[in-house]
Structure formats: C-alpha cells, structure tokens
C-alpha cells in the first residue's frame, strides 16, 4: 500500500500549498504504465525521508482542473512544493537513483 496521500481539488490547498514541510506531488493516471512504475519508487523515497518530504498523488483523470492549473501535459509529472510554490518539476518515470539525485536538495542525507 502506498504512503502517498490522495489529493483532490478540494484538498490541494490544505494538503499541498499550506503544508508545513516539502510535498512531492505525483500527477498520475491509473492507465499509465510509467505512472504505475514510478509510484513504488516514490513510496520508498518518502519512507526513507519521512521528516523531509511528504508524498501526495493527484489522479489527473479525476482532477483535470488541478492538472490544467499546474500545466501538466505529460504523466507522470512530479512537482516539489515548498511554502506553497513549485520548487522543481520532473517529467517522466525515472530509476530511483535518478529521482534521488533530482530530489537531493530537498532530502537530508
């Protein structure tokens, strides 16, 4: 079971924009193979860094308004939010080592 919190249009502001720590948001879809492949990797990273980052996921099929608002045109799209603003965007599935490298500035060693 994923550690990711399901976020919707109704909860995005509270769960992501007003969060008290960094939030990694996975914009995904159930039918997307790369989305399904990257989620376990994101779960591992979040589980290894629970004090630094929270993992959230937004199903773009159920929340197209959120995807549009954040300019998501390809999935998976990963966005790192801190203090209510996007700090980094990563598009596409990547191996764990690549994702950790991309996220290193948000994770403590």
PDB file of N, CA and C in Angstrom:
ATOM      1  N   UNK A   1       0.834  -1.180   0.000  1.00  0.00           N
ATOM      2  CA  UNK A   1       0.000   0.000   0.000  1.00  0.00           C
ATOM      3  C   UNK A   1       0.883   1.250   0.000  1.00  0.00           C
ATOM      4  N   UNK A   2       0.497   2.204  -0.761  1.00  0.00           N
ATOM      5  CA  UNK A   2       1.268   3.425  -0.930  1.00  0.00           C
ATOM      6  C   UNK A   2       1.182   4.324   0.306  1.00  0.00           C
ATOM      7  N   UNK A   3       2.276   5.032   0.584  1.00  0.00           N
ATOM      8  CA  UNK A   3       2.268   6.027   1.653  1.00  0.00           C
ATOM      9  C   UNK A   3       1.759   7.371   1.141  1.00  0.00           C
ATOM     10  N   UNK A   4       1.538   7.446  -0.167  1.00  0.00           N
ATOM     11  CA  UNK A   4       1.096   8.699  -0.781  1.00  0.00           C
ATOM     12  C   UNK A   4      -0.323   9.049  -0.356  1.00  0.00           C
ATOM     13  N   UNK A   5      -0.526  10.323  -0.124  1.00  0.00           N
ATOM     14  CA  UNK A   5      -1.859  10.824   0.218  1.00  0.00           C
ATOM     15  C   UNK A   5      -2.563  11.214  -1.071  1.00  0.00           C
ATOM     16  N   UNK A   6      -3.793  10.719  -1.259  1.00  0.00           N
ATOM     17  CA  UNK A   6      -4.591  11.113  -2.411  1.00  0.00           C
ATOM     18  C   UNK A   6      -5.064  12.547  -2.206  1.00  0.00           C
ATOM     19  N   UNK A   7      -4.771  13.398  -3.174  1.00  0.00           N
ATOM     20  CA  UNK A   7      -5.131  14.806  -3.091  1.00  0.00           C
ATOM     21  C   UNK A   7      -6.094  15.128  -4.223  1.00  0.00           C
ATOM     22  N   UNK A   8      -7.094  15.934  -3.920  1.00  0.00           N
ATOM     23  CA  UNK A   8      -8.095  16.345  -4.902  1.00  0.00           C
ATOM     24  C   UNK A   8      -8.129  17.870  -4.972  1.00  0.00           C
ATOM     25  N   UNK A   9      -8.957  18.369  -5.859  1.00  0.00           N
ATOM     26  CA  UNK A   9      -9.132  19.812  -5.953  1.00  0.00           C
ATOM     27  C   UNK A   9      -9.600  20.416  -4.644  1.00  0.00           C
ATOM     28  N   UNK A  10     -10.399  19.661  -3.892  1.00  0.00           N
ATOM     29  CA  UNK A  10     -10.937  20.154  -2.625  1.00  0.00           C
ATOM     30  C   UNK A  10      -9.894  20.169  -1.509  1.00  0.00           C
ATOM     31  N   UNK A  11      -8.863  19.328  -1.614  1.00  0.00           N
ATOM     32  CA  UNK A  11      -7.881  19.222  -0.533  1.00  0.00           C
ATOM     33  C   UNK A  11      -6.498  19.753  -0.894  1.00  0.00           C
ATOM     34  N   UNK A  12      -6.291  20.150  -2.140  1.00  0.00           N
ATOM     35  CA  UNK A  12      -4.968  20.544  -2.610  1.00  0.00           C
ATOM     36  C   UNK A  12      -4.381  21.706  -1.802  1.00  0.00           C
ATOM     37  N   UNK A  13      -5.163  22.715  -1.555  1.00  0.00           N
ATOM     38  CA  UNK A  13      -4.650  23.878  -0.821  1.00  0.00           C
ATOM     39  C   UNK A  13      -4.168  23.477   0.561  1.00  0.00           C
ATOM     40  N   UNK A  14      -4.967  22.739   1.305  1.00  0.00           N
ATOM     41  CA  UNK A  14      -4.593  22.332   2.664  1.00  0.00           C
ATOM     42  C   UNK A  14      -3.451  21.322   2.666  1.00  0.00           C
ATOM     43  N   UNK A  15      -3.527  20.328   1.784  1.00  0.00           N
ATOM     44  CA  UNK A  15      -2.554  19.233   1.807  1.00  0.00           C
ATOM     45  C   UNK A  15      -1.221  19.567   1.158  1.00  0.00           C
ATOM     46  N   UNK A  16      -1.231  20.498   0.213  1.00  0.00           N
ATOM     47  CA  UNK A  16      -0.004  20.793  -0.532  1.00  0.00           C
ATOM     48  C   UNK A  16       0.459  22.236  -0.315  1.00  0.00           C
ATOM     49  N   UNK A  17      -0.386  23.176  -0.632  1.00  0.00           N
ATOM     50  CA  UNK A  17       0.030  24.575  -0.602  1.00  0.00           C
ATOM     51  C   UNK A  17       0.273  25.101   0.813  1.00  0.00           C
ATOM     52  N   UNK A  18      -0.460  24.582   1.790  1.00  0.00           N
ATOM     53  CA  UNK A  18      -0.299  25.039   3.178  1.00  0.00           C
ATOM     54  C   UNK A  18       0.420  24.022   4.062  1.00  0.00           C
ATOM     55  N   UNK A  19       1.030  23.035   3.459  1.00  0.00           N
ATOM     56  CA  UNK A  19       1.736  22.004   4.219  1.00  0.00           C
ATOM     57  C   UNK A  19       2.917  22.611   4.964  1.00  0.00           C
ATOM     58  N   UNK A  20       3.237  22.018   6.107  1.00  0.00           N
ATOM     59  CA  UNK A  20       4.338  22.543   6.914  1.00  0.00           C
ATOM     60  C   UNK A  20       5.701  21.974   6.529  1.00  0.00           C
ATOM     61  N   UNK A  21       5.730  21.111   5.523  1.00  0.00           N
ATOM     62  CA  UNK A  21       7.011  20.628   5.003  1.00  0.00           C
ATOM     63  C   UNK A  21       6.897  20.436   3.491  1.00  0.00           C
ATOM     64  N   UNK A  22       7.974  20.050   2.884  1.00  0.00           N
ATOM     65  CA  UNK A  22       8.031  19.871   1.441  1.00  0.00           C
ATOM     66  C   UNK A  22       7.099  18.739   1.019  1.00  0.00           C
ATOM     67  N   UNK A  23       6.368  18.965  -0.074  1.00  0.00           N
ATOM     68  CA  UNK A  23       5.445  17.960  -0.597  1.00  0.00           C
ATOM     69  C   UNK A  23       5.840  17.626  -2.031  1.00  0.00           C
ATOM     70  N   UNK A  24       6.029  16.340  -2.288  1.00  0.00           N
ATOM     71  CA  UNK A  24       6.277  15.847  -3.634  1.00  0.00           C
ATOM     72  C   UNK A  24       4.941  15.356  -4.181  1.00  0.00           C
ATOM     73  N   UNK A  25       4.443  16.022  -5.221  1.00  0.00           N
ATOM     74  CA  UNK A  25       3.146  15.676  -5.795  1.00  0.00           C
ATOM     75  C   UNK A  25       3.365  14.898  -7.086  1.00  0.00           C
ATOM     76  N   UNK A  26       2.763  13.733  -7.147  1.00  0.00           N
ATOM     77  CA  UNK A  26       2.815  12.853  -8.316  1.00  0.00           C
ATOM     78  C   UNK A  26       1.499  13.003  -9.067  1.00  0.00           C
ATOM     79  N   UNK A  27       1.546  13.656 -10.223  1.00  0.00           N
ATOM     80  CA  UNK A  27       0.379  13.731 -11.108  1.00  0.00           C
ATOM     81  C   UNK A  27       0.416  12.468 -11.959  1.00  0.00           C
ATOM     82  N   UNK A  28      -0.608  11.626 -11.855  1.00  0.00           N
ATOM     83  CA  UNK A  28      -0.590  10.287 -12.429  1.00  0.00           C
ATOM     84  C   UNK A  28      -1.965   9.909 -12.984  1.00  0.00           C
ATOM     85  N   UNK A  29      -2.010   8.740 -13.625  1.00  0.00           N
ATOM     86  CA  UNK A  29      -3.274   8.140 -14.073  1.00  0.00           C
ATOM     87  C   UNK A  29      -3.153   6.627 -13.964  1.00  0.00           C
ATOM     88  N   UNK A  30      -4.248   5.980 -13.623  1.00  0.00           N
ATOM     89  CA  UNK A  30      -4.252   4.529 -13.420  1.00  0.00           C
ATOM     90  C   UNK A  30      -3.889   3.761 -14.685  1.00  0.00           C
ATOM     91  N   UNK A  31      -4.223   4.295 -15.845  1.00  0.00           N
ATOM     92  CA  UNK A  31      -3.974   3.607 -17.103  1.00  0.00           C
ATOM     93  C   UNK A  31      -2.538   3.781 -17.606  1.00  0.00           C
ATOM     94  N   UNK A  32      -1.755   4.610 -16.951  1.00  0.00           N
ATOM     95  CA  UNK A  32      -0.402   4.959 -17.408  1.00  0.00           C
ATOM     96  C   UNK A  32       0.642   4.037 -16.782  1.00  0.00           C
ATOM     97  N   UNK A  33       1.271   3.220 -17.604  1.00  0.00           N
ATOM     98  CA  UNK A  33       2.303   2.300 -17.129  1.00  0.00           C
ATOM     99  C   UNK A  33       3.445   2.990 -16.398  1.00  0.00           C
ATOM    100  N   UNK A  34       4.017   4.048 -16.959  1.00  0.00           N
ATOM    101  CA  UNK A  34       5.095   4.739 -16.237  1.00  0.00           C
ATOM    102  C   UNK A  34       4.633   5.311 -14.892  1.00  0.00           C
ATOM    103  N   UNK A  35       3.398   5.769 -14.805  1.00  0.00           N
ATOM    104  CA  UNK A  35       2.873   6.250 -13.520  1.00  0.00           C
ATOM    105  C   UNK A  35       2.838   5.127 -12.502  1.00  0.00           C
ATOM    106  N   UNK A  36       2.371   3.960 -12.927  1.00  0.00           N
ATOM    107  CA  UNK A  36       2.312   2.812 -12.021  1.00  0.00           C
ATOM    108  C   UNK A  36       3.715   2.347 -11.627  1.00  0.00           C
ATOM    109  N   UNK A  37       4.673   2.485 -12.551  1.00  0.00           N
ATOM    110  CA  UNK A  37       6.042   2.040 -12.273  1.00  0.00           C
ATOM    111  C   UNK A  37       6.761   2.958 -11.286  1.00  0.00           C
ATOM    112  N   UNK A  38       6.503   4.243 -11.335  1.00  0.00           N
ATOM    113  CA  UNK A  38       7.247   5.192 -10.501  1.00  0.00           C
ATOM    114  C   UNK A  38       6.695   5.290  -9.075  1.00  0.00           C
ATOM    115  N   UNK A  39       5.442   4.973  -8.856  1.00  0.00           N
ATOM    116  CA  UNK A  39       4.861   5.123  -7.523  1.00  0.00           C
ATOM    117  C   UNK A  39       5.597   4.322  -6.445  1.00  0.00           C
ATOM    118  N   UNK A  40       5.943   3.052  -6.661  1.00  0.00           N
ATOM    119  CA  UNK A  40       6.684   2.333  -5.604  1.00  0.00           C
ATOM    120  C   UNK A  40       8.044   2.971  -5.302  1.00  0.00           C
ATOM    121  N   UNK A  41       8.665   3.555  -6.302  1.00  0.00           N
ATOM    122  CA  UNK A  41       9.947   4.232  -6.098  1.00  0.00           C
ATOM    123  C   UNK A  41       9.737   5.479  -5.238  1.00  0.00           C
ATOM    124  N   UNK A  42       8.699   6.242  -5.547  1.00  0.00           N
ATOM    125  CA  UNK A  42       8.387   7.438  -4.760  1.00  0.00           C
ATOM    126  C   UNK A  42       8.037   7.058  -3.326  1.00  0.00           C
ATOM    127  N   UNK A  43       7.305   5.957  -3.170  1.00  0.00           N
ATOM    128  CA  UNK A  43       6.973   5.464  -1.820  1.00  0.00           C
ATOM    129  C   UNK A  43       8.244   5.166  -1.024  1.00  0.00           C
ATOM    130  N   UNK A  44       9.213   4.522  -1.668  1.00  0.00           N
ATOM    131  CA  UNK A  44      10.475   4.207  -0.997  1.00  0.00           C
ATOM    132  C   UNK A  44      11.195   5.476  -0.563  1.00  0.00           C
ATOM    133  N   UNK A  45      11.282   6.439  -1.472  1.00  0.00           N
ATOM    134  CA  UNK A  45      11.972   7.692  -1.159  1.00  0.00           C
ATOM    135  C   UNK A  45      11.274   8.407  -0.002  1.00  0.00           C
ATOM    136  N   UNK A  46       9.949   8.475  -0.054  1.00  0.00           N
ATOM    137  CA  UNK A  46       9.197   9.137   1.018  1.00  0.00           C
ATOM    138  C   UNK A  46       9.367   8.398   2.347  1.00  0.00           C
ATOM    139  N   UNK A  47       9.370   7.069   2.316  1.00  0.00           N
ATOM    140  CA  UNK A  47       9.534   6.277   3.537  1.00  0.00           C
ATOM    141  C   UNK A  47      10.936   6.442   4.127  1.00  0.00           C
ATOM    142  N   UNK A  48      11.920   6.650   3.290  1.00  0.00           N
ATOM    143  CA  UNK A  48      13.295   6.829   3.746  1.00  0.00           C
ATOM    144  C   UNK A  48      13.559   8.244   4.264  1.00  0.00           C
ATOM    145  N   UNK A  49      12.682   9.197   3.932  1.00  0.00           N
ATOM    146  CA  UNK A  49      12.865  10.598   4.331  1.00  0.00           C
ATOM    147  C   UNK A  49      11.567  11.186   4.882  1.00  0.00           C
ATOM    148  N   UNK A  50      10.969  10.535   5.898  1.00  0.00           N
ATOM    149  CA  UNK A  50       9.660  10.995   6.376  1.00  0.00           C
ATOM    150  C   UNK A  50       9.667  12.378   7.016  1.00  0.00           C
ATOM    151  N   UNK A  51      10.807  12.818   7.509  1.00  0.00           N
ATOM    152  CA  UNK A  51      10.872  14.133   8.144  1.00  0.00           C
ATOM    153  C   UNK A  51      11.092  15.262   7.141  1.00  0.00           C
ATOM    154  N   UNK A  52      11.523  14.915   5.936  1.00  0.00           N
ATOM    155  CA  UNK A  52      11.843  15.924   4.941  1.00  0.00           C
ATOM    156  C   UNK A  52      10.763  16.129   3.880  1.00  0.00           C
ATOM    157  N   UNK A  53      10.056  15.060   3.557  1.00  0.00           N
ATOM    158  CA  UNK A  53       9.160  15.148   2.403  1.00  0.00           C
ATOM    159  C   UNK A  53       7.890  14.330   2.626  1.00  0.00           C
ATOM    160  N   UNK A  54       6.791  14.862   2.139  1.00  0.00           N
ATOM    161  CA  UNK A  54       5.513  14.159   2.143  1.00  0.00           C
ATOM    162  C   UNK A  54       5.176  13.838   0.695  1.00  0.00           C
ATOM    163  N   UNK A  55       4.652  12.658   0.465  1.00  0.00           N
ATOM    164  CA  UNK A  55       4.271  12.245  -0.879  1.00  0.00           C
ATOM    165  C   UNK A  55       2.762  12.357  -1.048  1.00  0.00           C
ATOM    166  N   UNK A  56       2.366  13.037  -2.111  1.00  0.00           N
ATOM    167  CA  UNK A  56       0.946  13.170  -2.446  1.00  0.00           C
ATOM    168  C   UNK A  56       0.773  12.779  -3.897  1.00  0.00           C
ATOM    169  N   UNK A  57      -0.426  12.319  -4.239  1.00  0.00           N
ATOM    170  CA  UNK A  57      -0.678  11.980  -5.636  1.00  0.00           C
ATOM    171  C   UNK A  57      -2.013  12.562  -6.077  1.00  0.00           C
ATOM    172  N   UNK A  58      -2.025  13.005  -7.327  1.00  0.00           N
ATOM    173  CA  UNK A  58      -3.215  13.591  -7.924  1.00  0.00           C
ATOM    174  C   UNK A  58      -3.541  12.787  -9.177  1.00  0.00           C
ATOM    175  N   UNK A  59      -4.694  12.149  -9.164  1.00  0.00           N
ATOM    176  CA  UNK A  59      -5.160  11.410 -10.343  1.00  0.00           C
ATOM    177  C   UNK A  59      -5.671  12.450 -11.352  1.00  0.00           C
ATOM    178  N   UNK A  60      -4.973  12.565 -12.486  1.00  0.00           N
ATOM    179  CA  UNK A  60      -5.320  13.609 -13.453  1.00  0.00           C
ATOM    180  C   UNK A  60      -6.659  13.354 -14.140  1.00  0.00           C
ATOM    181  N   UNK A  61      -7.093  12.105 -14.189  1.00  0.00           N
ATOM    182  CA  UNK A  61      -8.392  11.799 -14.784  1.00  0.00           C
ATOM    183  C   UNK A  61      -9.536  12.265 -13.883  1.00  0.00           C
ATOM    184  N   UNK A  62      -9.325  12.202 -12.578  1.00  0.00           N
ATOM    185  CA  UNK A  62     -10.346  12.618 -11.622  1.00  0.00           C
ATOM    186  C   UNK A  62     -10.231  14.094 -11.238  1.00  0.00           C
ATOM    187  N   UNK A  63      -9.072  14.693 -11.520  1.00  0.00           N
ATOM    188  CA  UNK A  63      -8.813  16.090 -11.152  1.00  0.00           C
ATOM    189  C   UNK A  63      -8.171  16.857 -12.310  1.00  0.00           C
ATOM    190  N   UNK A  64      -8.846  16.908 -13.463  1.00  0.00           N
ATOM    191  CA  UNK A  64      -8.234  17.581 -14.619  1.00  0.00           C
ATOM    192  C   UNK A  64      -7.989  19.069 -14.381  1.00  0.00           C
ATOM    193  N   UNK A  65      -8.782  19.679 -13.506  1.00  0.00           N
ATOM    194  CA  UNK A  65      -8.585  21.097 -13.202  1.00  0.00           C
ATOM    195  C   UNK A  65      -7.232  21.339 -12.543  1.00  0.00           C
ATOM    196  N   UNK A  66      -6.819  20.453 -11.640  1.00  0.00           N
ATOM    197  CA  UNK A  66      -5.515  20.591 -10.998  1.00  0.00           C
ATOM    198  C   UNK A  66      -4.385  20.396 -12.005  1.00  0.00           C
ATOM    199  N   UNK A  67      -4.546  19.405 -12.869  1.00  0.00           N
ATOM    200  CA  UNK A  67      -3.529  19.172 -13.899  1.00  0.00           C
ATOM    201  C   UNK A  67      -3.404  20.392 -14.808  1.00  0.00           C
ATOM    202  N   UNK A  68      -4.528  20.937 -15.231  1.00  0.00           N
ATOM    203  CA  UNK A  68      -4.503  22.128 -16.086  1.00  0.00           C
ATOM    204  C   UNK A  68      -3.877  23.311 -15.359  1.00  0.00           C
ATOM    205  N   UNK A  69      -4.274  23.530 -14.138  1.00  0.00           N
ATOM    206  CA  UNK A  69      -3.779  24.668 -13.361  1.00  0.00           C
ATOM    207  C   UNK A  69      -2.262  24.631 -13.194  1.00  0.00           C
ATOM    208  N   UNK A  70      -1.698  23.433 -13.140  1.00  0.00           N
ATOM    209  CA  UNK A  70      -0.259  23.295 -12.932  1.00  0.00           C
ATOM    210  C   UNK A  70       0.495  22.949 -14.208  1.00  0.00           C
ATOM    211  N   UNK A  71      -0.191  23.039 -15.346  1.00  0.00           N
ATOM    212  CA  UNK A  71       0.476  22.861 -16.631  1.00  0.00           C
ATOM    213  C   UNK A  71       0.937  21.450 -16.919  1.00  0.00           C
ATOM    214  N   UNK A  72       0.268  20.469 -16.334  1.00  0.00           N
ATOM    215  CA  UNK A  72       0.649  19.071 -16.552  1.00  0.00           C
ATOM    216  C   UNK A  72       0.140  18.632 -17.924  1.00  0.00           C
ATOM    217  N   UNK A  73       1.070  18.295 -18.811  1.00  0.00           N
ATOM    218  CA  UNK A  73       0.702  17.841 -20.152  1.00  0.00           C
ATOM    219  C   UNK A  73       1.215  16.434 -20.438  1.00  0.00           C
ATOM    220  N   UNK A  74       2.030  15.906 -19.529  1.00  0.00           N
ATOM    221  CA  UNK A  74       2.576  14.564 -19.671  1.00  0.00           C
ATOM    222  C   UNK A  74       2.610  13.935 -18.285  1.00  0.00           C
ATOM    223  N   UNK A  75       2.343  12.634 -18.227  1.00  0.00           N
ATOM    224  CA  UNK A  75       2.386  11.967 -16.932  1.00  0.00           C
ATOM    225  C   UNK A  75       3.326  10.770 -17.004  1.00  0.00           C
ATOM    226  N   UNK A  76       3.942  10.434 -15.906  1.00  0.00           N
ATOM    227  CA  UNK A  76       3.862  11.136 -14.635  1.00  0.00           C
ATOM    228  C   UNK A  76       4.632  12.460 -14.657  1.00  0.00           C
ATOM    229  N   UNK A  77       4.067  13.426 -13.981  1.00  0.00           N
ATOM    230  CA  UNK A  77       4.754  14.684 -13.699  1.00  0.00           C
ATOM    231  C   UNK A  77       4.860  14.800 -12.197  1.00  0.00           C
ATOM    232  N   UNK A  78       6.063  15.040 -11.728  1.00  0.00           N
ATOM    233  CA  UNK A  78       6.324  15.186 -10.304  1.00  0.00           C
ATOM    234  C   UNK A  78       6.650  16.640 -10.035  1.00  0.00           C
ATOM    235  N   UNK A  79       5.997  17.223  -9.043  1.00  0.00           N
ATOM    236  CA  UNK A  79       6.260  18.603  -8.666  1.00  0.00           C
ATOM    237  C   UNK A  79       6.571  18.669  -7.189  1.00  0.00           C
ATOM    238  N   UNK A  80       7.637  19.369  -6.859  1.00  0.00           N
ATOM    239  CA  UNK A  80       8.023  19.573  -5.475  1.00  0.00           C
ATOM    240  C   UNK A  80       7.510  20.946  -5.048  1.00  0.00           C
ATOM    241  N   UNK A  81       6.676  20.960  -4.019  1.00  0.00           N
ATOM    242  CA  UNK A  81       6.114  22.193  -3.481  1.00  0.00           C
ATOM    243  C   UNK A  81       6.730  22.474  -2.118  1.00  0.00           C
ATOM    244  N   UNK A  82       7.118  23.718  -1.916  1.00  0.00           N
ATOM    245  CA  UNK A  82       7.590  24.168  -0.607  1.00  0.00           C
ATOM    246  C   UNK A  82       7.032  25.576  -0.392  1.00  0.00           C
ATOM    247  N   UNK A  83       6.442  25.776   0.763  1.00  0.00           N
ATOM    248  CA  UNK A  83       5.849  27.074   1.091  1.00  0.00           C
ATOM    249  C   UNK A  83       4.858  27.543   0.027  1.00  0.00           C
ATOM    250  N   UNK A  84       4.101  26.592  -0.517  1.00  0.00           N
ATOM    251  CA  UNK A  84       3.035  26.919  -1.452  1.00  0.00           C
ATOM    252  C   UNK A  84       3.455  27.171  -2.885  1.00  0.00           C
ATOM    253  N   UNK A  85       4.740  27.007  -3.195  1.00  0.00           N
ATOM    254  CA  UNK A  85       5.185  27.240  -4.566  1.00  0.00           C
ATOM    255  C   UNK A  85       5.951  26.039  -5.106  1.00  0.00           C
ATOM    256  N   UNK A  86       5.905  25.897  -6.419  1.00  0.00           N
ATOM    257  CA  UNK A  86       6.627  24.813  -7.085  1.00  0.00           C
ATOM    258  C   UNK A  86       8.115  25.147  -7.068  1.00  0.00           C
ATOM    259  N   UNK A  87       8.892  24.234  -6.535  1.00  0.00           N
ATOM    260  CA  UNK A  87      10.344  24.402  -6.473  1.00  0.00           C
ATOM    261  C   UNK A  87      11.057  23.638  -7.579  1.00  0.00           C
ATOM    262  N   UNK A  88      10.422  22.555  -8.051  1.00  0.00           N
ATOM    263  CA  UNK A  88      11.050  21.714  -9.068  1.00  0.00           C
ATOM    264  C   UNK A  88       9.983  20.876  -9.740  1.00  0.00           C
ATOM    265  N   UNK A  89      10.177  20.620 -11.041  1.00  0.00           N
ATOM    266  CA  UNK A  89       9.286  19.749 -11.805  1.00  0.00           C
ATOM    267  C   UNK A  89      10.129  18.684 -12.494  1.00  0.00           C
ATOM    268  N   UNK A  90       9.676  17.449 -12.385  1.00  0.00           N
ATOM    269  CA  UNK A  90      10.337  16.313 -13.031  1.00  0.00           C
ATOM    270  C   UNK A  90       9.274  15.618 -13.872  1.00  0.00           C
ATOM    271  N   UNK A  91       9.556  15.450 -15.154  1.00  0.00           N
ATOM    272  CA  UNK A  91       8.579  14.819 -16.046  1.00  0.00           C
ATOM    273  C   UNK A  91       9.090  13.452 -16.470  1.00  0.00           C
ATOM    274  N   UNK A  92       8.231  12.456 -16.317  1.00  0.00           N
ATOM    275  CA  UNK A  92       8.559  11.104 -16.740  1.00  0.00           C
ATOM    276  C   UNK A  92       9.061  10.229 -15.606  1.00  0.00           C
ATOM    277  N   UNK A  93       8.924   8.927 -15.804  1.00  0.00           N
ATOM    278  CA  UNK A  93       9.395   7.948 -14.830  1.00  0.00           C
ATOM    279  C   UNK A  93      10.915   7.846 -14.928  1.00  0.00           C
ATOM    280  N   UNK A  94      11.539   7.670 -13.782  1.00  0.00           N
ATOM    281  CA  UNK A  94      12.997   7.556 -13.723  1.00  0.00           C
ATOM    282  C   UNK A  94      13.357   6.486 -12.702  1.00  0.00           C
ATOM    283  N   UNK A  95      14.553   5.916 -12.813  1.00  0.00           N
ATOM    284  CA  UNK A  95      15.016   4.985 -11.775  1.00  0.00           C
ATOM    285  C   UNK A  95      15.204   5.713 -10.449  1.00  0.00           C
ATOM    286  N   UNK A  96      15.212   4.950  -9.369  1.00  0.00           N
ATOM    287  CA  UNK A  96      15.314   5.534  -8.036  1.00  0.00           C
ATOM    288  C   UNK A  96      16.547   6.433  -7.891  1.00  0.00           C
ATOM    289  N   UNK A  97      17.694   5.978  -8.369  1.00  0.00           N
ATOM    290  CA  UNK A  97      18.924   6.768  -8.232  1.00  0.00           C
ATOM    291  C   UNK A  97      18.786   8.126  -8.918  1.00  0.00           C
ATOM    292  N   UNK A  98      18.166   8.149 -10.077  1.00  0.00           N
ATOM    293  CA  UNK A  98      17.963   9.413 -10.798  1.00  0.00           C
ATOM    294  C   UNK A  98      17.016  10.335 -10.036  1.00  0.00           C
ATOM    295  N   UNK A  99      15.937   9.774  -9.506  1.00  0.00           N
ATOM    296  CA  UNK A  99      14.987  10.591  -8.747  1.00  0.00           C
ATOM    297  C   UNK A  99      15.621  11.127  -7.468  1.00  0.00           C
ATOM    298  N   UNK A 100      16.400  10.305  -6.793  1.00  0.00           N
ATOM    299  CA  UNK A 100      17.083  10.773  -5.587  1.00  0.00           C
ATOM    300  C   UNK A 100      18.054  11.905  -5.918  1.00  0.00           C
ATOM    301  N   UNK A 101      18.728  11.800  -7.040  1.00  0.00           N
ATOM    302  CA  UNK A 101      19.642  12.863  -7.463  1.00  0.00           C
ATOM    303  C   UNK A 101      18.862  14.146  -7.746  1.00  0.00           C
ATOM    304  N   UNK A 102      17.725  14.017  -8.424  1.00  0.00           N
ATOM    305  CA  UNK A 102      16.894  15.181  -8.736  1.00  0.00           C
ATOM    306  C   UNK A 102      16.331  15.830  -7.472  1.00  0.00           C
ATOM    307  N   UNK A 103      16.081  15.014  -6.447  1.00  0.00           N
ATOM    308  CA  UNK A 103      15.446  15.497  -5.223  1.00  0.00           C
ATOM    309  C   UNK A 103      16.431  15.780  -4.085  1.00  0.00           C
ATOM    310  N   UNK A 104      17.723  15.596  -4.341  1.00  0.00           N
ATOM    311  CA  UNK A 104      18.703  15.679  -3.260  1.00  0.00           C
ATOM    312  C   UNK A 104      18.665  16.986  -2.471  1.00  0.00           C
ATOM    313  N   UNK A 105      18.348  18.096  -3.114  1.00  0.00           N
ATOM    314  CA  UNK A 105      18.331  19.365  -2.384  1.00  0.00           C
ATOM    315  C   UNK A 105      17.186  19.442  -1.368  1.00  0.00           C
ATOM    316  N   UNK A 106      16.195  18.528  -1.496  1.00  0.00           N
ATOM    317  CA  UNK A 106      15.058  18.513  -0.586  1.00  0.00           C
ATOM    318  C   UNK A 106      15.144  17.413   0.463  1.00  0.00           C
ATOM    319  N   UNK A 107      16.152  16.541   0.335  1.00  0.00           N
ATOM    320  CA  UNK A 107      16.306  15.403   1.216  1.00  0.00           C
ATOM    321  C   UNK A 107      17.605  15.516   1.993  1.00  0.00           C
ATOM    322  N   UNK A 108      17.571  15.232   3.280  1.00  0.00           N
ATOM    323  CA  UNK A 108      18.789  15.195   4.077  1.00  0.00           C
ATOM    324  C   UNK A 108      19.443  13.845   3.905  1.00  0.00           C
ATOM    325  N   UNK A 109      20.729  13.823   3.894  1.00  0.00           N
ATOM    326  CA  UNK A 109      21.478  12.558   3.746  1.00  0.00           C
ATOM    327  C   UNK A 109      21.448  11.774   5.032  1.00  0.00           C
TER     328      UNK A 109
END
